[in-house]
Amino acid sequence: MTDTTVSTSNLASPVVGSSIGTWVRDTGVANWNRFAAVNDEFMPIHMDDEAGRAAGLPGAIGMGNLVLSYLHGLVRSWTGAQGHVERLSVRFRKPNNKGRITATGTVTAVVASAAITHVEIELHVVDAAGDDIAPGSATVVLYHRAEV
């Protein structure tokens, strides 16, 4: 399953506490294999359950950079052409095991000037068990449109 719900209604005037939306992804070896093909990251623990178990994990796990890309995709979907990601950070707390994960973001600070608005966003990636496997944050810059 791939489900993206991005809330751009608050993009013109972001409000602290508002959601930027969600990205829901079902992850597993097929997803990880496609990501590995793009990044030349064919590591056994990402492809083979036995290799994952040999490393002390419950089975094969997803790449941290794939989880990071889901967060980046969520934030970029929210900003669209009206801004850019200035900074994005994440802390990996738990492996991305097979199953559904949900990336979410909440506006935590807004600093507006005449030309741009800096927005701080708290990010989370939650697995099917409800654990936050990758909390993070982002700073985005939104550009103000010139009045015509």
N, C-alpha and C. Protein backbone atom coordinates (compact mmCIF):
# COMPACT_ATOMS: atom_id res chain seq x y z
N MET A 1 0.84 -1.18 0.00
CA MET A 1 0.00 0.00 0.00
C MET A 1 0.88 1.24 0.00
N THR A 2 0.50 2.17 -0.81
CA THR A 2 1.14 3.48 -0.83
C THR A 2 0.02 4.49 -0.71
N ASP A 3 0.07 5.29 0.34
CA ASP A 3 -0.97 6.29 0.57
C ASP A 3 -0.30 7.57 1.02
N THR A 4 -0.58 8.64 0.30
CA THR A 4 -0.02 9.93 0.65
C THR A 4 -1.16 10.92 0.85
N THR A 5 -1.21 11.53 2.01
CA THR A 5 -2.18 12.57 2.29
C THR A 5 -1.40 13.76 2.80
N VAL A 6 -1.28 14.77 1.96
CA VAL A 6 -0.53 15.96 2.33
C VAL A 6 -1.49 17.12 2.45
N SER A 7 -1.36 17.86 3.54
CA SER A 7 -2.24 18.99 3.80
C SER A 7 -1.55 20.28 3.38
N THR A 8 -1.92 20.81 2.21
CA THR A 8 -1.33 22.07 1.76
C THR A 8 -2.21 23.27 2.11
N SER A 9 -3.30 23.02 2.82
CA SER A 9 -4.20 24.13 3.17
C SER A 9 -3.53 25.14 4.10
N ASN A 10 -2.52 24.70 4.85
CA ASN A 10 -1.84 25.61 5.77
C ASN A 10 -0.51 26.11 5.21
N LEU A 11 -0.25 25.87 3.92
CA LEU A 11 1.03 26.23 3.33
C LEU A 11 1.23 27.74 3.24
N ALA A 12 0.21 28.50 2.89
CA ALA A 12 0.34 29.95 2.75
C ALA A 12 0.62 30.61 4.10
N SER A 13 -0.01 30.13 5.14
CA SER A 13 0.19 30.67 6.49
C SER A 13 0.26 29.51 7.47
N PRO A 14 1.41 28.83 7.55
CA PRO A 14 1.50 27.68 8.45
C PRO A 14 1.27 28.06 9.90
N VAL A 15 0.63 27.17 10.63
CA VAL A 15 0.26 27.42 12.02
C VAL A 15 0.92 26.36 12.90
N VAL A 16 1.53 26.79 14.00
CA VAL A 16 2.13 25.86 14.93
C VAL A 16 1.06 24.86 15.40
N GLY A 17 1.43 23.60 15.36
CA GLY A 17 0.51 22.53 15.77
C GLY A 17 -0.22 21.88 14.62
N SER A 18 -0.14 22.46 13.42
CA SER A 18 -0.86 21.88 12.28
C SER A 18 -0.05 20.75 11.64
N SER A 19 -0.76 19.80 11.08
CA SER A 19 -0.15 18.65 10.42
C SER A 19 0.22 19.01 8.99
N ILE A 20 1.34 18.46 8.51
CA ILE A 20 1.66 18.61 7.10
C ILE A 20 1.16 17.42 6.30
N GLY A 21 0.66 16.39 6.97
CA GLY A 21 0.09 15.23 6.31
C GLY A 21 0.77 13.94 6.71
N THR A 22 0.52 12.89 5.94
CA THR A 22 1.09 11.57 6.22
C THR A 22 1.52 10.89 4.93
N TRP A 23 2.50 10.04 5.06
CA TRP A 23 2.89 9.09 4.01
C TRP A 23 2.80 7.72 4.62
N VAL A 24 2.02 6.83 4.03
CA VAL A 24 1.90 5.46 4.51
C VAL A 24 2.50 4.54 3.45
N ARG A 25 3.40 3.68 3.90
CA ARG A 25 4.06 2.76 2.97
C ARG A 25 4.10 1.36 3.59
N ASP A 26 3.80 0.35 2.77
CA ASP A 26 4.05 -1.03 3.16
C ASP A 26 5.46 -1.35 2.69
N THR A 27 6.32 -1.77 3.61
CA THR A 27 7.70 -2.04 3.24
C THR A 27 8.03 -3.51 3.39
N GLY A 28 8.93 -3.96 2.57
CA GLY A 28 9.38 -5.34 2.59
C GLY A 28 10.49 -5.52 1.57
N VAL A 29 10.88 -6.75 1.36
CA VAL A 29 12.03 -7.06 0.51
C VAL A 29 11.85 -6.50 -0.90
N ALA A 30 10.67 -6.53 -1.48
CA ALA A 30 10.48 -6.00 -2.84
C ALA A 30 10.80 -4.51 -2.88
N ASN A 31 10.33 -3.74 -1.89
CA ASN A 31 10.63 -2.31 -1.82
C ASN A 31 12.12 -2.08 -1.61
N TRP A 32 12.69 -2.83 -0.70
CA TRP A 32 14.10 -2.66 -0.37
C TRP A 32 14.99 -3.03 -1.55
N ASN A 33 14.58 -4.04 -2.32
CA ASN A 33 15.34 -4.45 -3.49
C ASN A 33 15.37 -3.33 -4.54
N ARG A 34 14.22 -2.68 -4.77
CA ARG A 34 14.19 -1.56 -5.73
C ARG A 34 15.07 -0.41 -5.25
N PHE A 35 15.02 -0.11 -3.96
CA PHE A 35 15.85 0.97 -3.42
C PHE A 35 17.33 0.59 -3.53
N ALA A 36 17.66 -0.67 -3.25
CA ALA A 36 19.05 -1.13 -3.36
C ALA A 36 19.54 -1.02 -4.80
N ALA A 37 18.68 -1.29 -5.76
CA ALA A 37 19.08 -1.21 -7.16
C ALA A 37 19.47 0.21 -7.54
N VAL A 38 18.76 1.19 -7.01
CA VAL A 38 19.05 2.59 -7.32
C VAL A 38 20.32 3.05 -6.62
N ASN A 39 20.57 2.55 -5.43
CA ASN A 39 21.68 3.02 -4.61
C ASN A 39 22.85 2.05 -4.50
N ASP A 40 22.80 0.95 -5.26
CA ASP A 40 23.84 -0.07 -5.20
C ASP A 40 24.11 -0.46 -3.75
N GLU A 41 23.03 -0.82 -3.06
CA GLU A 41 23.10 -1.12 -1.63
C GLU A 41 22.58 -2.54 -1.36
N PHE A 42 23.13 -3.51 -2.08
CA PHE A 42 22.69 -4.89 -1.95
C PHE A 42 23.40 -5.57 -0.78
N MET A 43 22.97 -5.22 0.42
CA MET A 43 23.53 -5.82 1.63
C MET A 43 22.64 -7.00 2.03
N PRO A 44 23.22 -8.11 2.45
CA PRO A 44 22.43 -9.29 2.79
C PRO A 44 21.33 -9.03 3.82
N ILE A 45 21.56 -8.16 4.83
CA ILE A 45 20.53 -7.95 5.85
C ILE A 45 19.30 -7.23 5.30
N HIS A 46 19.41 -6.64 4.10
CA HIS A 46 18.26 -5.98 3.47
C HIS A 46 17.53 -6.89 2.49
N MET A 47 18.08 -8.06 2.23
CA MET A 47 17.51 -8.95 1.21
C MET A 47 17.10 -10.33 1.73
N ASP A 48 17.73 -10.74 2.84
CA ASP A 48 17.60 -12.13 3.27
C ASP A 48 17.29 -12.21 4.77
N ASP A 49 16.19 -12.88 5.09
CA ASP A 49 15.80 -13.02 6.50
C ASP A 49 16.87 -13.74 7.32
N GLU A 50 17.49 -14.76 6.75
CA GLU A 50 18.53 -15.50 7.48
C GLU A 50 19.72 -14.60 7.81
N ALA A 51 20.10 -13.75 6.89
CA ALA A 51 21.21 -12.81 7.13
C ALA A 51 20.83 -11.83 8.23
N GLY A 52 19.58 -11.38 8.22
CA GLY A 52 19.10 -10.50 9.29
C GLY A 52 19.14 -11.17 10.64
N ARG A 53 18.66 -12.41 10.69
CA ARG A 53 18.68 -13.15 11.96
C ARG A 53 20.10 -13.41 12.44
N ALA A 54 21.00 -13.68 11.50
CA ALA A 54 22.41 -13.90 11.87
C ALA A 54 23.01 -12.63 12.48
N ALA A 55 22.46 -11.47 12.12
CA ALA A 55 22.94 -10.20 12.67
C ALA A 55 22.19 -9.82 13.95
N GLY A 56 21.33 -10.73 14.44
CA GLY A 56 20.60 -10.47 15.69
C GLY A 56 19.29 -9.73 15.50
N LEU A 57 18.80 -9.67 14.29
CA LEU A 57 17.53 -8.99 13.98
C LEU A 57 16.44 -10.03 13.77
N PRO A 58 15.18 -9.60 13.76
CA PRO A 58 14.10 -10.57 13.55
C PRO A 58 14.03 -11.11 12.11
N GLY A 59 14.74 -10.51 11.21
CA GLY A 59 14.75 -10.90 9.80
C GLY A 59 15.39 -9.77 9.01
N ALA A 60 15.15 -9.76 7.70
CA ALA A 60 15.67 -8.68 6.86
C ALA A 60 15.08 -7.35 7.32
N ILE A 61 15.86 -6.29 7.16
CA ILE A 61 15.39 -4.95 7.55
C ILE A 61 15.57 -3.98 6.39
N GLY A 62 14.78 -2.92 6.42
CA GLY A 62 14.89 -1.88 5.40
C GLY A 62 16.04 -0.95 5.67
N MET A 63 16.43 -0.23 4.63
CA MET A 63 17.54 0.71 4.73
C MET A 63 17.12 1.96 5.47
N GLY A 64 18.03 2.49 6.29
CA GLY A 64 17.75 3.75 6.97
C GLY A 64 17.54 4.88 5.98
N ASN A 65 18.31 4.89 4.89
CA ASN A 65 18.16 5.95 3.90
C ASN A 65 16.81 5.92 3.20
N LEU A 66 16.19 4.75 3.11
CA LEU A 66 14.85 4.68 2.54
C LEU A 66 13.84 5.34 3.47
N VAL A 67 13.97 5.10 4.77
CA VAL A 67 13.11 5.76 5.75
C VAL A 67 13.31 7.27 5.68
N LEU A 68 14.56 7.69 5.60
CA LEU A 68 14.87 9.12 5.46
C LEU A 68 14.22 9.69 4.19
N SER A 69 14.24 8.92 3.10
CA SER A 69 13.64 9.41 1.85
C SER A 69 12.13 9.57 1.98
N TYR A 70 11.49 8.72 2.78
CA TYR A 70 10.04 8.89 3.01
C TYR A 70 9.76 10.20 3.72
N LEU A 71 10.58 10.54 4.72
CA LEU A 71 10.40 11.82 5.41
C LEU A 71 10.64 12.98 4.46
N HIS A 72 11.69 12.89 3.67
CA HIS A 72 11.99 13.96 2.71
C HIS A 72 10.84 14.10 1.70
N GLY A 73 10.33 12.97 1.23
CA GLY A 73 9.20 13.00 0.29
C GLY A 73 7.97 13.65 0.89
N LEU A 74 7.69 13.35 2.15
CA LEU A 74 6.55 13.96 2.84
C LEU A 74 6.72 15.48 2.90
N VAL A 75 7.89 15.92 3.33
CA VAL A 75 8.13 17.36 3.47
C VAL A 75 8.10 18.05 2.11
N ARG A 76 8.74 17.45 1.09
CA ARG A 76 8.74 18.06 -0.25
C ARG A 76 7.34 18.08 -0.85
N SER A 77 6.54 17.08 -0.57
CA SER A 77 5.16 17.09 -1.06
C SER A 77 4.38 18.24 -0.45
N TRP A 78 4.69 18.55 0.80
CA TRP A 78 4.00 19.65 1.47
C TRP A 78 4.44 20.99 0.91
N THR A 79 5.75 21.21 0.73
CA THR A 79 6.23 22.51 0.25
C THR A 79 5.96 22.71 -1.22
N GLY A 80 6.01 21.65 -2.01
CA GLY A 80 5.83 21.79 -3.45
C GLY A 80 6.83 22.78 -4.02
N ALA A 81 6.40 23.52 -5.03
CA ALA A 81 7.26 24.51 -5.69
C ALA A 81 7.36 25.80 -4.88
N GLN A 82 6.63 25.88 -3.78
CA GLN A 82 6.62 27.11 -2.97
C GLN A 82 7.75 27.18 -1.96
N GLY A 83 8.63 26.17 -1.94
CA GLY A 83 9.71 26.22 -0.97
C GLY A 83 10.71 25.13 -1.18
N HIS A 84 11.63 25.01 -0.23
CA HIS A 84 12.63 23.95 -0.28
C HIS A 84 12.98 23.50 1.13
N VAL A 85 13.55 22.31 1.19
CA VAL A 85 14.01 21.75 2.46
C VAL A 85 15.41 22.31 2.73
N GLU A 86 15.54 23.03 3.81
CA GLU A 86 16.83 23.60 4.18
C GLU A 86 17.66 22.62 5.01
N ARG A 87 16.97 21.86 5.88
CA ARG A 87 17.63 20.91 6.77
C ARG A 87 16.64 19.81 7.12
N LEU A 88 17.13 18.58 7.17
CA LEU A 88 16.30 17.47 7.61
C LEU A 88 17.20 16.51 8.39
N SER A 89 16.78 16.15 9.58
CA SER A 89 17.57 15.21 10.37
C SER A 89 16.66 14.13 10.93
N VAL A 90 17.25 12.99 11.21
CA VAL A 90 16.49 11.85 11.73
C VAL A 90 17.38 11.06 12.68
N ARG A 91 16.75 10.43 13.67
CA ARG A 91 17.44 9.54 14.60
C ARG A 91 16.81 8.16 14.43
N PHE A 92 17.61 7.19 14.04
CA PHE A 92 17.09 5.84 13.86
C PHE A 92 17.07 5.12 15.20
N ARG A 93 15.88 4.76 15.65
CA ARG A 93 15.73 4.12 16.96
C ARG A 93 15.42 2.64 16.90
N LYS A 94 14.86 2.22 15.77
CA LYS A 94 14.45 0.83 15.64
C LYS A 94 14.50 0.48 14.15
N PRO A 95 14.88 -0.75 13.79
CA PRO A 95 14.93 -1.11 12.37
C PRO A 95 13.55 -1.03 11.70
N ASN A 96 13.58 -0.79 10.41
CA ASN A 96 12.38 -0.82 9.59
C ASN A 96 12.15 -2.28 9.20
N ASN A 97 11.31 -2.96 9.97
CA ASN A 97 10.97 -4.35 9.67
C ASN A 97 9.87 -4.38 8.62
N LYS A 98 9.61 -5.55 8.08
CA LYS A 98 8.55 -5.69 7.08
C LYS A 98 7.22 -5.25 7.68
N GLY A 99 6.43 -4.53 6.88
CA GLY A 99 5.12 -4.09 7.32
C GLY A 99 4.88 -2.63 7.02
N ARG A 100 3.81 -2.12 7.54
CA ARG A 100 3.40 -0.74 7.27
C ARG A 100 4.11 0.25 8.16
N ILE A 101 4.58 1.34 7.55
CA ILE A 101 5.12 2.46 8.31
C ILE A 101 4.41 3.73 7.87
N THR A 102 4.30 4.68 8.80
CA THR A 102 3.61 5.94 8.54
C THR A 102 4.52 7.09 8.93
N ALA A 103 4.79 7.96 7.97
CA ALA A 103 5.57 9.17 8.21
C ALA A 103 4.61 10.34 8.41
N THR A 104 4.85 11.14 9.46
CA THR A 104 3.99 12.29 9.76
C THR A 104 4.85 13.50 10.11
N GLY A 105 4.24 14.66 10.00
CA GLY A 105 4.94 15.88 10.37
C GLY A 105 3.99 16.89 10.97
N THR A 106 4.49 17.65 11.96
CA THR A 106 3.72 18.69 12.64
C THR A 106 4.55 19.96 12.71
N VAL A 107 3.95 21.08 12.36
CA VAL A 107 4.63 22.38 12.42
C VAL A 107 4.87 22.73 13.89
N THR A 108 6.13 23.09 14.21
CA THR A 108 6.47 23.43 15.60
C THR A 108 6.88 24.90 15.77
N ALA A 109 7.28 25.55 14.69
CA ALA A 109 7.66 26.97 14.77
C ALA A 109 7.55 27.60 13.38
N VAL A 110 7.19 28.88 13.38
CA VAL A 110 7.06 29.64 12.14
C VAL A 110 7.69 31.01 12.35
N VAL A 111 8.64 31.38 11.48
CA VAL A 111 9.26 32.70 11.54
C VAL A 111 9.14 33.31 10.15
N ALA A 112 8.30 34.32 10.03
CA ALA A 112 8.03 34.93 8.73
C ALA A 112 8.74 36.27 8.59
N SER A 113 9.23 36.52 7.38
CA SER A 113 9.78 37.83 7.03
C SER A 113 9.06 38.30 5.76
N ALA A 114 9.50 39.39 5.19
CA ALA A 114 8.82 39.93 4.01
C ALA A 114 8.91 38.98 2.81
N ALA A 115 10.03 38.28 2.64
CA ALA A 115 10.24 37.48 1.44
C ALA A 115 10.06 35.99 1.64
N ILE A 116 10.36 35.49 2.85
CA ILE A 116 10.31 34.05 3.09
C ILE A 116 9.74 33.74 4.47
N THR A 117 9.38 32.50 4.64
CA THR A 117 8.95 32.00 5.95
C THR A 117 9.74 30.74 6.26
N HIS A 118 10.40 30.72 7.42
CA HIS A 118 11.07 29.52 7.90
C HIS A 118 10.07 28.73 8.75
N VAL A 119 9.96 27.44 8.47
CA VAL A 119 9.04 26.58 9.21
C VAL A 119 9.82 25.41 9.79
N GLU A 120 9.68 25.20 11.09
CA GLU A 120 10.26 24.04 11.76
C GLU A 120 9.18 22.96 11.84
N ILE A 121 9.57 21.73 11.54
CA ILE A 121 8.63 20.62 11.51
C ILE A 121 9.18 19.46 12.33
N GLU A 122 8.35 18.91 13.21
CA GLU A 122 8.70 17.70 13.95
C GLU A 122 8.22 16.52 13.11
N LEU A 123 9.09 15.54 12.92
CA LEU A 123 8.79 14.40 12.06
C LEU A 123 8.81 13.09 12.85
N HIS A 124 8.02 12.14 12.39
CA HIS A 124 7.99 10.81 13.01
C HIS A 124 7.73 9.76 11.94
N VAL A 125 8.34 8.59 12.10
CA VAL A 125 8.02 7.41 11.30
C VAL A 125 7.61 6.34 12.30
N VAL A 126 6.37 5.91 12.21
CA VAL A 126 5.80 4.96 13.16
C VAL A 126 5.55 3.64 12.45
N ASP A 127 5.97 2.54 13.08
CA ASP A 127 5.76 1.22 12.49
C ASP A 127 4.38 0.66 12.88
N ALA A 128 4.09 -0.54 12.39
CA ALA A 128 2.78 -1.16 12.63
C ALA A 128 2.54 -1.43 14.11
N ALA A 129 3.60 -1.58 14.91
CA ALA A 129 3.46 -1.81 16.34
C ALA A 129 3.21 -0.52 17.11
N GLY A 130 3.29 0.63 16.40
CA GLY A 130 3.07 1.91 17.06
C GLY A 130 4.34 2.54 17.60
N ASP A 131 5.49 1.94 17.30
CA ASP A 131 6.77 2.48 17.77
C ASP A 131 7.29 3.54 16.81
N ASP A 132 7.81 4.62 17.37
CA ASP A 132 8.42 5.68 16.56
C ASP A 132 9.83 5.21 16.21
N ILE A 133 10.00 4.69 15.01
CA ILE A 133 11.28 4.10 14.62
C ILE A 133 12.30 5.14 14.16
N ALA A 134 11.82 6.34 13.79
CA ALA A 134 12.74 7.35 13.27
C ALA A 134 12.19 8.76 13.49
N PRO A 135 12.32 9.29 14.71
CA PRO A 135 11.90 10.68 14.92
C PRO A 135 12.92 11.62 14.28
N GLY A 136 12.45 12.77 13.88
CA GLY A 136 13.36 13.73 13.27
C GLY A 136 12.77 15.12 13.24
N SER A 137 13.42 15.98 12.48
CA SER A 137 12.95 17.35 12.33
C SER A 137 13.41 17.89 10.99
N ALA A 138 12.75 18.95 10.57
CA ALA A 138 13.11 19.60 9.32
C ALA A 138 12.90 21.10 9.45
N THR A 139 13.68 21.83 8.69
CA THR A 139 13.47 23.26 8.51
C THR A 139 13.22 23.47 7.03
N VAL A 140 12.12 24.13 6.72
CA VAL A 140 11.82 24.43 5.32
C VAL A 140 11.72 25.93 5.15
N VAL A 141 12.00 26.37 3.94
CA VAL A 141 11.85 27.77 3.58
C VAL A 141 10.72 27.86 2.58
N LEU A 142 9.73 28.67 2.90
CA LEU A 142 8.62 28.91 1.98
C LEU A 142 8.78 30.29 1.38
N TYR A 143 8.58 30.39 0.07
CA TYR A 143 8.72 31.66 -0.62
C TYR A 143 7.37 32.34 -0.72
N HIS A 144 7.33 33.63 -0.48
CA HIS A 144 6.10 34.39 -0.62
C HIS A 144 5.91 34.74 -2.08
N ARG A 145 4.70 34.60 -2.54
CA ARG A 145 4.39 34.95 -3.93
C ARG A 145 4.19 36.46 -4.04
N ALA A 146 4.73 37.00 -5.09
CA ALA A 146 4.53 38.44 -5.35
C ALA A 146 3.09 38.65 -5.80
N GLU A 147 2.47 39.69 -5.29
CA GLU A 147 1.11 40.03 -5.68
C GLU A 147 1.10 40.56 -7.10
N VAL A 148 0.18 40.10 -7.91
CA VAL A 148 0.09 40.53 -9.30
C VAL A 148 -0.95 41.59 -9.47
